[in-house]
Amino acid sequence: MTNFIPLFPLDIIVFPEEEVTLHIFEERYKQLILHCLADKKPFGIIAPNTENGILEVGTAVEVTKVIHTYADGKMDIVVKGKSTFSVIEYIAEIPNKLYSGAIVTHLPYNTKAVKVDAKLLVNKLIALYKKLEYAFPLQENNGEITSYQIAKIAGITYTQAYYILCLEKEDQRLEYLKRHINALLGEEKPLSHLINNISLN
């Protein structure tokens, strides 16, 4: 599906289903959030890039909670990742709007795995956390454990997080995380060669 989405360029990577707390203080983003709340529509969080303004892939998020609204219009809000998207056309200036936007195509959102067992990766991480004497941060649940949940606790870099965001299939993401975790355990070589073609400058 292709459509227009308001953009919030922000130097973080948000995964689908992830919840993030944001402090909104710039006038353009206060306007963006108010418009999205009024229209009950999502906006896109996408990392900035000095070469061409923004990166190619971002995450559509929706406001799930307004924690506090200050007298000057600043806000503390909670957003939740819904899906990833790829930018077709970046629109830096929108008539009568302070914020930017883009024509995007929404990428397939699939967390069903076939080849790689997510729970096996979690067990490897539990062993690693125990070895490092850290408390394991992922709570036990009866639902499906996804690659995005694993990625948040697997010690990945910012560039690796973006690489995972760009992968459309759950099997691809889990396979990458398996090799990353094996590299942390000394069982495989580091995976830096897989992401050398991604520039976040």
N, C-alpha and C. Protein backbone atom coordinates (compact mmCIF):
# COMPACT_ATOMS: atom_id res chain seq x y z
N MET A 1 0.84 -1.19 0.00
CA MET A 1 0.00 0.00 0.00
C MET A 1 0.87 1.24 0.00
N THR A 2 0.52 2.21 -0.84
CA THR A 2 1.28 3.45 -0.96
C THR A 2 0.43 4.61 -0.47
N ASN A 3 1.02 5.44 0.39
CA ASN A 3 0.28 6.62 0.83
C ASN A 3 1.23 7.66 1.39
N PHE A 4 0.65 8.80 1.81
CA PHE A 4 1.43 9.88 2.41
C PHE A 4 1.48 9.68 3.93
N ILE A 5 2.63 10.01 4.53
CA ILE A 5 2.77 9.92 5.97
C ILE A 5 3.60 11.10 6.47
N PRO A 6 3.17 11.78 7.54
CA PRO A 6 4.01 12.83 8.14
C PRO A 6 5.27 12.19 8.71
N LEU A 7 6.36 12.93 8.70
CA LEU A 7 7.63 12.38 9.16
C LEU A 7 8.17 13.11 10.38
N PHE A 8 8.72 12.33 11.29
CA PHE A 8 9.43 12.83 12.46
C PHE A 8 10.85 12.27 12.38
N PRO A 9 11.78 12.98 11.70
CA PRO A 9 13.16 12.50 11.65
C PRO A 9 13.77 12.49 13.05
N LEU A 10 14.22 11.34 13.47
CA LEU A 10 14.72 11.19 14.83
C LEU A 10 15.82 10.14 14.82
N ASP A 11 16.87 10.40 15.57
CA ASP A 11 18.06 9.56 15.52
C ASP A 11 17.92 8.32 16.40
N ILE A 12 16.81 7.59 16.19
CA ILE A 12 16.61 6.32 16.87
C ILE A 12 16.00 5.34 15.87
N ILE A 13 16.13 4.05 16.17
CA ILE A 13 15.49 3.01 15.38
C ILE A 13 14.36 2.42 16.23
N VAL A 14 13.14 2.50 15.72
CA VAL A 14 11.98 1.95 16.42
C VAL A 14 11.50 0.73 15.65
N PHE A 15 11.35 -0.38 16.33
CA PHE A 15 10.85 -1.60 15.70
C PHE A 15 9.34 -1.70 15.82
N PRO A 16 8.68 -2.40 14.91
CA PRO A 16 7.25 -2.69 15.07
C PRO A 16 6.97 -3.34 16.42
N GLU A 17 5.87 -2.94 17.04
CA GLU A 17 5.41 -3.41 18.36
C GLU A 17 6.20 -2.81 19.51
N GLU A 18 7.28 -2.09 19.24
CA GLU A 18 8.05 -1.47 20.31
C GLU A 18 7.36 -0.19 20.78
N GLU A 19 7.35 0.05 22.08
CA GLU A 19 6.82 1.28 22.65
C GLU A 19 7.97 2.20 23.06
N VAL A 20 7.84 3.47 22.72
CA VAL A 20 8.87 4.46 23.00
C VAL A 20 8.22 5.71 23.57
N THR A 21 8.83 6.29 24.59
CA THR A 21 8.36 7.54 25.16
C THR A 21 9.11 8.70 24.53
N LEU A 22 8.38 9.70 24.06
CA LEU A 22 8.98 10.85 23.40
C LEU A 22 8.58 12.14 24.12
N HIS A 23 9.53 13.07 24.19
CA HIS A 23 9.24 14.42 24.69
C HIS A 23 9.17 15.35 23.49
N ILE A 24 8.02 15.92 23.23
CA ILE A 24 7.79 16.75 22.05
C ILE A 24 7.89 18.22 22.45
N PHE A 25 8.87 18.93 21.85
CA PHE A 25 9.07 20.33 22.25
C PHE A 25 9.19 21.29 21.08
N GLU A 26 9.61 20.81 19.90
CA GLU A 26 9.71 21.71 18.74
C GLU A 26 8.32 22.00 18.19
N GLU A 27 8.12 23.24 17.71
CA GLU A 27 6.81 23.67 17.22
C GLU A 27 6.30 22.78 16.09
N ARG A 28 7.19 22.40 15.18
CA ARG A 28 6.75 21.59 14.03
C ARG A 28 6.25 20.22 14.47
N TYR A 29 6.87 19.67 15.50
CA TYR A 29 6.46 18.33 15.93
C TYR A 29 5.29 18.39 16.90
N LYS A 30 5.15 19.50 17.60
CA LYS A 30 3.91 19.69 18.38
C LYS A 30 2.72 19.74 17.42
N GLN A 31 2.90 20.43 16.30
CA GLN A 31 1.84 20.50 15.30
C GLN A 31 1.57 19.12 14.70
N LEU A 32 2.63 18.39 14.39
CA LEU A 32 2.50 17.06 13.81
C LEU A 32 1.70 16.14 14.74
N ILE A 33 2.05 16.11 16.01
CA ILE A 33 1.37 15.23 16.96
C ILE A 33 -0.09 15.62 17.12
N LEU A 34 -0.38 16.91 17.19
CA LEU A 34 -1.76 17.37 17.32
C LEU A 34 -2.58 16.96 16.10
N HIS A 35 -2.00 17.08 14.92
CA HIS A 35 -2.70 16.68 13.70
C HIS A 35 -2.96 15.17 13.69
N CYS A 36 -1.96 14.39 14.08
CA CYS A 36 -2.12 12.94 14.07
C CYS A 36 -3.14 12.48 15.12
N LEU A 37 -3.16 13.14 16.26
CA LEU A 37 -4.16 12.82 17.28
C LEU A 37 -5.56 13.15 16.80
N ALA A 38 -5.70 14.32 16.17
CA ALA A 38 -7.01 14.75 15.69
C ALA A 38 -7.53 13.83 14.59
N ASP A 39 -6.63 13.41 13.69
CA ASP A 39 -7.03 12.58 12.55
C ASP A 39 -6.95 11.09 12.84
N LYS A 40 -6.42 10.74 14.03
CA LYS A 40 -6.23 9.34 14.42
C LYS A 40 -5.42 8.58 13.37
N LYS A 41 -4.31 9.21 12.97
CA LYS A 41 -3.44 8.63 11.95
C LYS A 41 -2.02 8.50 12.48
N PRO A 42 -1.25 7.56 11.92
CA PRO A 42 0.14 7.38 12.35
C PRO A 42 1.06 8.41 11.72
N PHE A 43 2.27 8.48 12.23
CA PHE A 43 3.34 9.25 11.59
C PHE A 43 4.57 8.37 11.52
N GLY A 44 5.56 8.81 10.76
CA GLY A 44 6.74 7.99 10.55
C GLY A 44 7.94 8.49 11.32
N ILE A 45 8.59 7.61 12.06
CA ILE A 45 9.88 7.92 12.67
C ILE A 45 10.95 7.34 11.75
N ILE A 46 11.84 8.20 11.31
CA ILE A 46 12.88 7.78 10.36
C ILE A 46 14.17 8.50 10.70
N ALA A 47 15.28 7.80 10.59
CA ALA A 47 16.56 8.38 10.97
C ALA A 47 17.03 9.41 9.95
N PRO A 48 17.58 10.54 10.42
CA PRO A 48 18.10 11.55 9.49
C PRO A 48 19.39 11.09 8.84
N ASN A 49 19.67 11.64 7.68
CA ASN A 49 20.89 11.32 6.95
C ASN A 49 21.40 12.62 6.33
N THR A 50 22.65 12.98 6.61
CA THR A 50 23.19 14.26 6.15
C THR A 50 23.33 14.32 4.64
N GLU A 51 23.38 13.16 3.99
CA GLU A 51 23.58 13.14 2.54
C GLU A 51 22.31 13.52 1.78
N ASN A 52 21.18 12.96 2.18
CA ASN A 52 19.95 13.23 1.43
C ASN A 52 18.74 13.53 2.33
N GLY A 53 18.98 13.92 3.56
CA GLY A 53 17.91 14.32 4.45
C GLY A 53 17.44 13.22 5.39
N ILE A 54 17.04 12.07 4.84
CA ILE A 54 16.57 10.95 5.65
C ILE A 54 17.03 9.64 5.04
N LEU A 55 16.95 8.58 5.83
CA LEU A 55 17.23 7.25 5.31
C LEU A 55 16.04 6.73 4.52
N GLU A 56 16.17 5.57 3.93
CA GLU A 56 15.12 5.06 3.04
C GLU A 56 14.01 4.31 3.77
N VAL A 57 14.32 3.75 4.93
CA VAL A 57 13.35 2.91 5.64
C VAL A 57 13.09 3.47 7.03
N GLY A 58 11.82 3.52 7.42
CA GLY A 58 11.44 4.00 8.74
C GLY A 58 10.31 3.16 9.30
N THR A 59 9.77 3.61 10.43
CA THR A 59 8.69 2.88 11.10
C THR A 59 7.49 3.79 11.31
N ALA A 60 6.33 3.31 10.89
CA ALA A 60 5.07 4.02 11.15
C ALA A 60 4.67 3.74 12.60
N VAL A 61 4.40 4.81 13.35
CA VAL A 61 4.03 4.66 14.76
C VAL A 61 2.71 5.38 15.01
N GLU A 62 2.03 4.98 16.07
CA GLU A 62 0.82 5.67 16.47
C GLU A 62 0.95 6.09 17.93
N VAL A 63 0.33 7.19 18.28
CA VAL A 63 0.34 7.66 19.66
C VAL A 63 -0.64 6.81 20.46
N THR A 64 -0.14 6.14 21.47
CA THR A 64 -1.00 5.29 22.31
C THR A 64 -1.37 5.98 23.62
N LYS A 65 -0.58 6.98 24.00
CA LYS A 65 -0.87 7.66 25.26
C LYS A 65 -0.22 9.03 25.28
N VAL A 66 -0.97 10.04 25.74
CA VAL A 66 -0.41 11.35 26.04
C VAL A 66 -0.19 11.40 27.54
N ILE A 67 1.06 11.34 27.95
CA ILE A 67 1.36 11.28 29.39
C ILE A 67 1.11 12.63 30.05
N HIS A 68 1.57 13.69 29.40
CA HIS A 68 1.41 15.02 29.99
C HIS A 68 1.51 16.08 28.90
N THR A 69 0.67 17.09 29.01
CA THR A 69 0.74 18.25 28.13
C THR A 69 1.07 19.47 28.97
N TYR A 70 2.15 20.16 28.60
CA TYR A 70 2.61 21.32 29.37
C TYR A 70 1.89 22.58 28.91
N ALA A 71 1.99 23.63 29.72
CA ALA A 71 1.30 24.89 29.43
C ALA A 71 1.74 25.50 28.11
N ASP A 72 2.99 25.28 27.72
CA ASP A 72 3.50 25.85 26.48
C ASP A 72 3.27 24.94 25.28
N GLY A 73 2.52 23.85 25.46
CA GLY A 73 2.22 22.95 24.34
C GLY A 73 3.16 21.77 24.20
N LYS A 74 4.23 21.74 24.97
CA LYS A 74 5.11 20.57 24.94
C LYS A 74 4.35 19.35 25.45
N MET A 75 4.78 18.17 25.02
CA MET A 75 4.08 16.95 25.40
C MET A 75 5.05 15.81 25.70
N ASP A 76 4.65 14.96 26.61
CA ASP A 76 5.28 13.67 26.80
C ASP A 76 4.28 12.63 26.31
N ILE A 77 4.69 11.81 25.35
CA ILE A 77 3.77 10.85 24.74
C ILE A 77 4.42 9.48 24.65
N VAL A 78 3.58 8.47 24.48
CA VAL A 78 4.05 7.11 24.20
C VAL A 78 3.57 6.74 22.80
N VAL A 79 4.50 6.25 21.98
CA VAL A 79 4.14 5.78 20.65
C VAL A 79 4.48 4.30 20.52
N LYS A 80 3.77 3.63 19.63
CA LYS A 80 4.01 2.20 19.39
C LYS A 80 4.23 1.95 17.91
N GLY A 81 5.29 1.22 17.59
CA GLY A 81 5.58 0.89 16.20
C GLY A 81 4.53 -0.02 15.62
N LYS A 82 4.06 0.32 14.40
CA LYS A 82 3.01 -0.48 13.75
C LYS A 82 3.55 -1.28 12.57
N SER A 83 4.35 -0.64 11.71
CA SER A 83 4.87 -1.32 10.52
C SER A 83 6.05 -0.52 9.99
N THR A 84 6.81 -1.14 9.10
CA THR A 84 7.91 -0.44 8.46
C THR A 84 7.49 0.06 7.08
N PHE A 85 8.19 1.07 6.60
CA PHE A 85 7.87 1.62 5.29
C PHE A 85 9.14 2.03 4.57
N SER A 86 9.03 2.13 3.25
CA SER A 86 10.13 2.59 2.40
C SER A 86 9.71 3.88 1.72
N VAL A 87 10.59 4.86 1.74
CA VAL A 87 10.27 6.17 1.18
C VAL A 87 10.38 6.14 -0.34
N ILE A 88 9.31 6.57 -0.99
CA ILE A 88 9.30 6.71 -2.44
C ILE A 88 9.71 8.14 -2.82
N GLU A 89 9.11 9.10 -2.12
CA GLU A 89 9.42 10.51 -2.40
C GLU A 89 9.38 11.31 -1.10
N TYR A 90 10.48 11.97 -0.78
CA TYR A 90 10.56 12.81 0.41
C TYR A 90 10.02 14.20 0.09
N ILE A 91 9.11 14.71 0.93
CA ILE A 91 8.52 16.03 0.74
C ILE A 91 8.96 16.92 1.89
N ALA A 92 9.97 17.74 1.64
CA ALA A 92 10.57 18.56 2.69
C ALA A 92 9.64 19.67 3.17
N GLU A 93 8.84 20.23 2.26
CA GLU A 93 7.93 21.32 2.62
C GLU A 93 6.51 20.97 2.19
N ILE A 94 5.59 21.08 3.15
CA ILE A 94 4.18 20.80 2.90
C ILE A 94 3.39 22.09 3.13
N PRO A 95 2.53 22.50 2.20
CA PRO A 95 1.77 23.75 2.38
C PRO A 95 1.00 23.77 3.70
N ASN A 96 1.15 24.87 4.42
CA ASN A 96 0.44 25.10 5.69
C ASN A 96 0.83 24.13 6.81
N LYS A 97 1.98 23.45 6.63
CA LYS A 97 2.46 22.55 7.67
C LYS A 97 3.90 22.92 8.02
N LEU A 98 4.26 22.74 9.28
CA LEU A 98 5.64 23.02 9.71
C LEU A 98 6.53 21.80 9.54
N TYR A 99 5.93 20.63 9.45
CA TYR A 99 6.70 19.40 9.38
C TYR A 99 6.79 18.86 7.95
N SER A 100 7.69 17.90 7.77
CA SER A 100 7.88 17.28 6.45
C SER A 100 7.06 16.00 6.36
N GLY A 101 7.13 15.36 5.20
CA GLY A 101 6.41 14.11 5.00
C GLY A 101 6.99 13.33 3.85
N ALA A 102 6.35 12.26 3.50
CA ALA A 102 6.85 11.43 2.39
C ALA A 102 5.72 10.57 1.82
N ILE A 103 5.87 10.28 0.55
CA ILE A 103 5.06 9.24 -0.08
C ILE A 103 5.81 7.94 0.18
N VAL A 104 5.14 6.97 0.78
CA VAL A 104 5.82 5.74 1.19
C VAL A 104 5.05 4.52 0.72
N THR A 105 5.74 3.41 0.69
CA THR A 105 5.09 2.12 0.52
C THR A 105 5.33 1.32 1.78
N HIS A 106 4.27 0.75 2.35
CA HIS A 106 4.40 -0.01 3.58
C HIS A 106 4.91 -1.41 3.28
N LEU A 107 5.91 -1.82 4.03
CA LEU A 107 6.56 -3.11 3.79
C LEU A 107 5.79 -4.23 4.49
N PRO A 108 5.90 -5.44 3.99
CA PRO A 108 5.19 -6.57 4.62
C PRO A 108 5.61 -6.72 6.07
N TYR A 109 4.65 -6.97 6.93
CA TYR A 109 4.94 -7.16 8.35
C TYR A 109 4.62 -8.61 8.71
N ASN A 110 5.66 -9.38 8.87
CA ASN A 110 5.49 -10.81 9.12
C ASN A 110 6.48 -11.25 10.18
N THR A 111 5.98 -11.80 11.28
CA THR A 111 6.87 -12.27 12.34
C THR A 111 6.81 -13.78 12.51
N LYS A 112 6.27 -14.47 11.51
CA LYS A 112 6.22 -15.93 11.58
C LYS A 112 7.51 -16.52 11.01
N ALA A 113 8.16 -17.32 11.81
CA ALA A 113 9.44 -17.91 11.39
C ALA A 113 9.27 -19.37 11.00
N VAL A 114 10.19 -19.85 10.16
CA VAL A 114 10.13 -21.24 9.73
C VAL A 114 11.46 -21.95 10.04
N LYS A 115 12.55 -21.33 9.64
CA LYS A 115 13.84 -22.01 9.70
C LYS A 115 14.56 -21.85 11.03
N VAL A 116 14.42 -20.69 11.67
CA VAL A 116 15.19 -20.42 12.87
C VAL A 116 14.24 -20.36 14.08
N ASP A 117 14.59 -21.06 15.13
CA ASP A 117 13.78 -21.10 16.33
C ASP A 117 14.12 -19.91 17.21
N ALA A 118 13.18 -18.97 17.37
CA ALA A 118 13.42 -17.78 18.17
C ALA A 118 13.72 -18.14 19.62
N LYS A 119 13.04 -19.15 20.15
CA LYS A 119 13.26 -19.53 21.54
C LYS A 119 14.66 -20.07 21.77
N LEU A 120 15.21 -20.71 20.74
CA LEU A 120 16.59 -21.19 20.84
C LEU A 120 17.55 -20.02 20.99
N LEU A 121 17.30 -18.94 20.24
CA LEU A 121 18.14 -17.74 20.36
C LEU A 121 17.99 -17.11 21.74
N VAL A 122 16.77 -17.10 22.25
CA VAL A 122 16.55 -16.55 23.59
C VAL A 122 17.32 -17.36 24.62
N ASN A 123 17.31 -18.66 24.50
CA ASN A 123 18.05 -19.52 25.44
C ASN A 123 19.55 -19.23 25.38
N LYS A 124 20.07 -18.97 24.17
CA LYS A 124 21.48 -18.62 24.05
C LYS A 124 21.76 -17.29 24.74
N LEU A 125 20.84 -16.34 24.59
CA LEU A 125 21.01 -15.04 25.23
C LEU A 125 20.92 -15.14 26.75
N ILE A 126 20.02 -16.00 27.23
CA ILE A 126 19.91 -16.21 28.68
C ILE A 126 21.24 -16.71 29.24
N ALA A 127 21.86 -17.65 28.52
CA ALA A 127 23.15 -18.18 28.95
C ALA A 127 24.23 -17.09 28.93
N LEU A 128 24.19 -16.24 27.89
CA LEU A 128 25.16 -15.17 27.78
C LEU A 128 24.99 -14.14 28.91
N TYR A 129 23.74 -13.75 29.17
CA TYR A 129 23.47 -12.80 30.26
C TYR A 129 23.91 -13.38 31.60
N LYS A 130 23.66 -14.66 31.79
CA LYS A 130 24.06 -15.31 33.04
C LYS A 130 25.58 -15.30 33.19
N LYS A 131 26.26 -15.56 32.09
CA LYS A 131 27.72 -15.56 32.10
C LYS A 131 28.27 -14.18 32.45
N LEU A 132 27.60 -13.13 31.96
CA LEU A 132 28.01 -11.75 32.22
C LEU A 132 27.48 -11.24 33.57
N GLU A 133 26.68 -12.06 34.23
CA GLU A 133 26.08 -11.72 35.52
C GLU A 133 25.14 -10.52 35.41
N TYR A 134 24.38 -10.47 34.31
CA TYR A 134 23.36 -9.45 34.12
C TYR A 134 21.98 -10.10 34.22
N ALA A 135 21.02 -9.31 34.70
CA ALA A 135 19.64 -9.81 34.74
C ALA A 135 19.08 -9.86 33.33
N PHE A 136 18.42 -10.95 32.99
CA PHE A 136 17.87 -11.09 31.65
C PHE A 136 16.63 -10.20 31.52
N PRO A 137 16.60 -9.27 30.52
CA PRO A 137 15.55 -8.25 30.48
C PRO A 137 14.24 -8.65 29.80
N LEU A 138 14.21 -9.77 29.09
CA LEU A 138 13.01 -10.15 28.37
C LEU A 138 12.10 -10.98 29.26
N GLN A 139 10.88 -10.48 29.48
CA GLN A 139 9.95 -11.18 30.34
C GLN A 139 9.37 -12.41 29.64
N GLU A 140 9.14 -13.43 30.41
CA GLU A 140 8.50 -14.62 29.86
C GLU A 140 7.05 -14.30 29.49
N ASN A 141 6.61 -14.79 28.36
CA ASN A 141 5.21 -14.61 27.98
C ASN A 141 4.75 -15.82 27.17
N ASN A 142 3.44 -15.93 27.07
CA ASN A 142 2.88 -17.08 26.35
C ASN A 142 2.74 -16.83 24.86
N GLY A 143 3.03 -15.59 24.44
CA GLY A 143 2.90 -15.24 23.04
C GLY A 143 4.16 -15.57 22.26
N GLU A 144 4.16 -15.21 21.01
CA GLU A 144 5.29 -15.47 20.13
C GLU A 144 6.42 -14.50 20.41
N ILE A 145 7.63 -15.01 20.50
CA ILE A 145 8.81 -14.16 20.65
C ILE A 145 9.30 -13.80 19.26
N THR A 146 9.41 -12.52 18.99
CA THR A 146 9.76 -12.07 17.64
C THR A 146 11.22 -11.63 17.56
N SER A 147 11.69 -11.51 16.34
CA SER A 147 13.05 -11.04 16.10
C SER A 147 13.25 -9.64 16.65
N TYR A 148 12.21 -8.81 16.58
CA TYR A 148 12.34 -7.43 17.07
C TYR A 148 12.57 -7.41 18.58
N GLN A 149 11.87 -8.28 19.33
CA GLN A 149 12.08 -8.37 20.77
C GLN A 149 13.50 -8.84 21.08
N ILE A 150 13.97 -9.82 20.33
CA ILE A 150 15.32 -10.34 20.55
C ILE A 150 16.36 -9.28 20.22
N ALA A 151 16.14 -8.55 19.13
CA ALA A 151 17.10 -7.54 18.70
C ALA A 151 17.34 -6.47 19.77
N LYS A 152 16.30 -6.12 20.52
CA LYS A 152 16.43 -5.07 21.52
C LYS A 152 17.34 -5.46 22.68
N ILE A 153 17.57 -6.76 22.87
CA ILE A 153 18.38 -7.20 24.01
C ILE A 153 19.64 -7.95 23.58
N ALA A 154 19.94 -7.90 22.27
CA ALA A 154 21.04 -8.73 21.74
C ALA A 154 22.34 -7.96 21.56
N GLY A 155 22.42 -6.75 22.09
CA GLY A 155 23.68 -6.01 22.01
C GLY A 155 24.05 -5.56 20.61
N ILE A 156 23.05 -5.21 19.81
CA ILE A 156 23.32 -4.77 18.44
C ILE A 156 23.63 -3.28 18.42
N THR A 157 24.34 -2.85 17.38
CA THR A 157 24.66 -1.45 17.20
C THR A 157 23.52 -0.73 16.49
N TYR A 158 23.63 0.59 16.41
CA TYR A 158 22.64 1.41 15.70
C TYR A 158 22.54 0.97 14.24
N THR A 159 23.69 0.76 13.61
CA THR A 159 23.71 0.35 12.21
C THR A 159 23.09 -1.03 12.03
N GLN A 160 23.37 -1.93 12.94
CA GLN A 160 22.76 -3.26 12.88
C GLN A 160 21.25 -3.18 13.04
N ALA A 161 20.78 -2.30 13.93
CA ALA A 161 19.34 -2.13 14.14
C ALA A 161 18.67 -1.67 12.85
N TYR A 162 19.31 -0.75 12.14
CA TYR A 162 18.75 -0.28 10.88
C TYR A 162 18.76 -1.39 9.83
N TYR A 163 19.82 -2.17 9.81
CA TYR A 163 19.90 -3.30 8.89
C TYR A 163 18.75 -4.28 9.13
N ILE A 164 18.48 -4.57 10.40
CA ILE A 164 17.37 -5.47 10.75
C ILE A 164 16.04 -4.86 10.34
N LEU A 165 15.90 -3.55 10.55
CA LEU A 165 14.66 -2.87 10.17
C LEU A 165 14.39 -3.01 8.67
N CYS A 166 15.45 -3.05 7.87
CA CYS A 166 15.32 -3.13 6.42
C CYS A 166 14.97 -4.54 5.93
N LEU A 167 15.19 -5.54 6.76
CA LEU A 167 14.88 -6.92 6.37
C LEU A 167 13.38 -7.15 6.48
N GLU A 168 12.76 -7.65 5.43
CA GLU A 168 11.31 -7.77 5.38
C GLU A 168 10.77 -9.09 5.96
N LYS A 169 11.61 -10.13 6.01
CA LYS A 169 11.13 -11.44 6.45
C LYS A 169 11.67 -11.80 7.83
N GLU A 170 10.82 -12.43 8.63
CA GLU A 170 11.20 -12.83 9.98
C GLU A 170 12.36 -13.82 9.95
N ASP A 171 12.35 -14.73 9.00
CA ASP A 171 13.45 -15.69 8.90
C ASP A 171 14.78 -14.99 8.68
N GLN A 172 14.78 -13.95 7.84
CA GLN A 172 16.02 -13.21 7.58
C GLN A 172 16.52 -12.53 8.84
N ARG A 173 15.58 -11.91 9.58
CA ARG A 173 15.99 -11.21 10.79
C ARG A 173 16.52 -12.19 11.85
N LEU A 174 15.83 -13.32 12.01
CA LEU A 174 16.28 -14.31 12.99
C LEU A 174 17.61 -14.94 12.60
N GLU A 175 17.80 -15.18 11.31
CA GLU A 175 19.07 -15.75 10.85
C GLU A 175 20.21 -14.79 11.13
N TYR A 176 19.98 -13.50 10.86
CA TYR A 176 21.02 -12.51 11.15
C TYR A 176 21.32 -12.47 12.65
N LEU A 177 20.27 -12.46 13.47
CA LEU A 177 20.46 -12.41 14.92
C LEU A 177 21.15 -13.67 15.44
N LYS A 178 20.83 -14.81 14.84
CA LYS A 178 21.50 -16.05 15.24
C LYS A 178 23.01 -15.93 15.02
N ARG A 179 23.38 -15.42 13.86
CA ARG A 179 24.80 -15.29 13.55
C ARG A 179 25.46 -14.23 14.43
N HIS A 180 24.72 -13.17 14.74
CA HIS A 180 25.24 -12.13 15.63
C HIS A 180 25.47 -12.68 17.03
N ILE A 181 24.49 -13.43 17.55
CA ILE A 181 24.63 -14.00 18.89
C ILE A 181 25.76 -15.02 18.93
N ASN A 182 25.87 -15.83 17.88
CA ASN A 182 26.97 -16.79 17.79
C ASN A 182 28.32 -16.07 17.78
N ALA A 183 28.37 -14.90 17.12
CA ALA A 183 29.61 -14.13 17.10
C ALA A 183 29.94 -13.61 18.50
N LEU A 184 28.92 -13.19 19.25
CA LEU A 184 29.14 -12.75 20.64
C LEU A 184 29.68 -13.89 21.49
N LEU A 185 29.22 -15.10 21.19
CA LEU A 185 29.66 -16.27 21.94
C LEU A 185 30.99 -16.84 21.43
N GLY A 186 31.53 -16.22 20.37
CA GLY A 186 32.79 -16.68 19.80
C GLY A 186 32.65 -17.88 18.90
N GLU A 187 31.42 -18.17 18.48
CA GLU A 187 31.17 -19.34 17.64
C GLU A 187 31.21 -19.01 16.15
N GLU A 188 31.12 -17.73 15.79
CA GLU A 188 31.19 -17.30 14.40
C GLU A 188 31.96 -15.98 14.33
N LYS A 189 32.35 -15.60 13.11
CA LYS A 189 33.01 -14.32 12.90
C LYS A 189 31.99 -13.19 12.98
N PRO A 190 32.43 -11.97 13.34
CA PRO A 190 31.52 -10.81 13.36
C PRO A 190 30.88 -10.59 12.00
N LEU A 191 29.71 -9.95 11.98
CA LEU A 191 28.92 -9.81 10.77
C LEU A 191 29.05 -8.44 10.11
N SER A 192 30.08 -7.70 10.40
CA SER A 192 30.19 -6.34 9.89
C SER A 192 30.19 -6.30 8.37
N HIS A 193 30.69 -7.37 7.74
CA HIS A 193 30.74 -7.38 6.27
C HIS A 193 29.36 -7.35 5.63
N LEU A 194 28.33 -7.74 6.38
CA LEU A 194 26.99 -7.78 5.82
C LEU A 194 26.35 -6.40 5.71
N ILE A 195 26.87 -5.43 6.44
CA ILE A 195 26.24 -4.12 6.48
C ILE A 195 27.17 -3.00 6.03
N ASN A 196 28.24 -3.36 5.38
CA ASN A 196 29.18 -2.34 4.93
C ASN A 196 28.59 -1.39 3.89
N ASN A 197 27.52 -1.84 3.20
CA ASN A 197 26.94 -1.00 2.15
C ASN A 197 25.89 -0.05 2.68
N ILE A 198 25.66 -0.03 3.99
CA ILE A 198 24.69 0.89 4.59
C ILE A 198 25.41 2.09 5.17
N SER A 199 25.02 3.28 4.74
CA SER A 199 25.63 4.51 5.25
C SER A 199 24.61 5.27 6.08
N LEU A 200 24.98 5.56 7.34
CA LEU A 200 24.11 6.33 8.21
C LEU A 200 24.69 7.72 8.46
N ASN A 201 25.67 8.12 7.66
CA ASN A 201 26.28 9.44 7.85
C ASN A 201 25.35 10.55 7.38
